[in-house]
Amino acid sequence: MSQSQTTKLGRRQVIAGAGAAGALAAAAVALKPAAQGVPTPEPTAPPKPDEGGGYRVTAHVLRYYQTTKV
């Protein structure tokens, strides 16, 4: 065998090995069992206002209204 054939064979083995390692890593992640007994935190919404439906005129709203005047 010439040296170029030996080098190509080595590169092919490295590339095949990298592909196999990637496939094994993907399989390990897919088959990993989900953590049990750990509750997921639920987002808390601010309390609803008694009147007005939650719309508030704030400084940035007033600034927007100023930009829309013609």
C-alpha atoms as a PDB file:
ATOM      1  CA  MET A   1       0.000   0.000   0.000  1.00  0.00           C
ATOM      2  CA  SER A   2       1.143   3.473  -0.675  1.00  0.00           C
ATOM      3  CA  GLN A   3       1.155   6.146   1.974  1.00  0.00           C
ATOM      4  CA  SER A   4      -1.752   8.085   0.401  1.00  0.00           C
ATOM      5  CA  GLN A   5      -4.041   5.045   0.607  1.00  0.00           C
ATOM      6  CA  THR A   6      -3.209   4.546   4.274  1.00  0.00           C
ATOM      7  CA  THR A   7      -3.912   8.194   5.033  1.00  0.00           C
ATOM      8  CA  LYS A   8      -7.315   8.104   3.277  1.00  0.00           C
ATOM      9  CA  LEU A   9      -8.279   4.981   5.169  1.00  0.00           C
ATOM     10  CA  GLY A  10      -7.404   6.683   8.469  1.00  0.00           C
ATOM     11  CA  ARG A  11      -9.445   9.766   7.579  1.00  0.00           C
ATOM     12  CA  ARG A  12     -12.409   7.619   6.636  1.00  0.00           C
ATOM     13  CA  GLN A  13     -12.255   5.854   9.973  1.00  0.00           C
ATOM     14  CA  VAL A  14     -12.131   9.155  11.825  1.00  0.00           C
ATOM     15  CA  ILE A  15     -15.111  10.536   9.916  1.00  0.00           C
ATOM     16  CA  ALA A  16     -17.087   7.309  10.411  1.00  0.00           C
ATOM     17  CA  GLY A  17     -16.214   7.318  14.114  1.00  0.00           C
ATOM     18  CA  ALA A  18     -17.343  10.933  14.491  1.00  0.00           C
ATOM     19  CA  GLY A  19     -20.649  10.127  12.791  1.00  0.00           C
ATOM     20  CA  ALA A  20     -21.186   7.132  15.047  1.00  0.00           C
ATOM     21  CA  ALA A  21     -20.357   9.173  18.147  1.00  0.00           C
ATOM     22  CA  GLY A  22     -22.851  11.846  17.090  1.00  0.00           C
ATOM     23  CA  ALA A  23     -25.565   9.256  16.551  1.00  0.00           C
ATOM     24  CA  LEU A  24     -24.886   7.712  19.958  1.00  0.00           C
ATOM     25  CA  ALA A  25     -25.021  11.125  21.635  1.00  0.00           C
ATOM     26  CA  ALA A  26     -28.356  11.905  19.968  1.00  0.00           C
ATOM     27  CA  ALA A  27     -29.751   8.547  21.046  1.00  0.00           C
ATOM     28  CA  ALA A  28     -28.580   9.083  24.627  1.00  0.00           C
ATOM     29  CA  VAL A  29     -30.338  12.452  24.799  1.00  0.00           C
ATOM     30  CA  ALA A  30     -33.527  11.061  23.263  1.00  0.00           C
ATOM     31  CA  LEU A  31     -33.652   8.114  25.649  1.00  0.00           C
ATOM     32  CA  LYS A  32     -32.751  10.075  28.791  1.00  0.00           C
ATOM     33  CA  PRO A  33     -35.535   9.690  31.343  1.00  0.00           C
ATOM     34  CA  ALA A  34     -37.265  12.887  32.407  1.00  0.00           C
ATOM     35  CA  ALA A  35     -36.574  14.152  35.912  1.00  0.00           C
ATOM     36  CA  GLN A  36     -39.344  13.057  38.224  1.00  0.00           C
ATOM     37  CA  GLY A  37     -40.519  14.725  41.375  1.00  0.00           C
ATOM     38  CA  VAL A  38     -39.275  18.166  40.400  1.00  0.00           C
ATOM     39  CA  PRO A  39     -42.220  20.555  40.110  1.00  0.00           C
ATOM     40  CA  THR A  40     -42.024  23.142  37.391  1.00  0.00           C
ATOM     41  CA  PRO A  41     -42.665  26.681  38.601  1.00  0.00           C
ATOM     42  CA  GLU A  42     -45.844  28.186  37.231  1.00  0.00           C
ATOM     43  CA  PRO A  43     -45.777  31.829  36.212  1.00  0.00           C
ATOM     44  CA  THR A  44     -47.787  34.062  38.497  1.00  0.00           C
ATOM     45  CA  ALA A  45     -50.006  36.646  36.896  1.00  0.00           C
ATOM     46  CA  PRO A  46     -50.622  39.979  38.600  1.00  0.00           C
ATOM     47  CA  PRO A  47     -54.029  40.246  40.237  1.00  0.00           C
ATOM     48  CA  LYS A  48     -56.804  41.596  38.041  1.00  0.00           C
ATOM     49  CA  PRO A  49     -57.977  45.114  38.885  1.00  0.00           C
ATOM     50  CA  ASP A  50     -61.453  45.634  40.306  1.00  0.00           C
ATOM     51  CA  GLU A  51     -62.365  48.209  37.670  1.00  0.00           C
ATOM     52  CA  GLY A  52     -61.088  49.331  34.292  1.00  0.00           C
ATOM     53  CA  GLY A  53     -60.022  46.033  32.777  1.00  0.00           C
ATOM     54  CA  GLY A  54     -56.331  46.606  33.434  1.00  0.00           C
ATOM     55  CA  TYR A  55     -55.663  49.506  31.053  1.00  0.00           C
ATOM     56  CA  ARG A  56     -53.487  52.135  32.678  1.00  0.00           C
ATOM     57  CA  VAL A  57     -52.334  55.444  31.262  1.00  0.00           C
ATOM     58  CA  THR A  58     -48.651  55.490  32.100  1.00  0.00           C
ATOM     59  CA  ALA A  59     -45.820  57.800  31.111  1.00  0.00           C
ATOM     60  CA  HIS A  60     -44.853  55.727  28.078  1.00  0.00           C
ATOM     61  CA  VAL A  61     -48.482  55.622  26.888  1.00  0.00           C
ATOM     62  CA  LEU A  62     -48.728  59.394  27.135  1.00  0.00           C
ATOM     63  CA  ARG A  63     -45.439  59.712  25.249  1.00  0.00           C
ATOM     64  CA  TYR A  64     -46.844  57.505  22.486  1.00  0.00           C
ATOM     65  CA  TYR A  65     -49.969  59.635  22.259  1.00  0.00           C
ATOM     66  CA  GLN A  66     -47.733  62.715  21.812  1.00  0.00           C
ATOM     67  CA  THR A  67     -45.953  61.052  18.861  1.00  0.00           C
ATOM     68  CA  THR A  68     -49.215  60.290  17.062  1.00  0.00           C
ATOM     69  CA  LYS A  69     -50.433  63.871  16.962  1.00  0.00           C
ATOM     70  CA  VAL A  70     -50.334  65.425  13.515  1.00  0.00           C
END
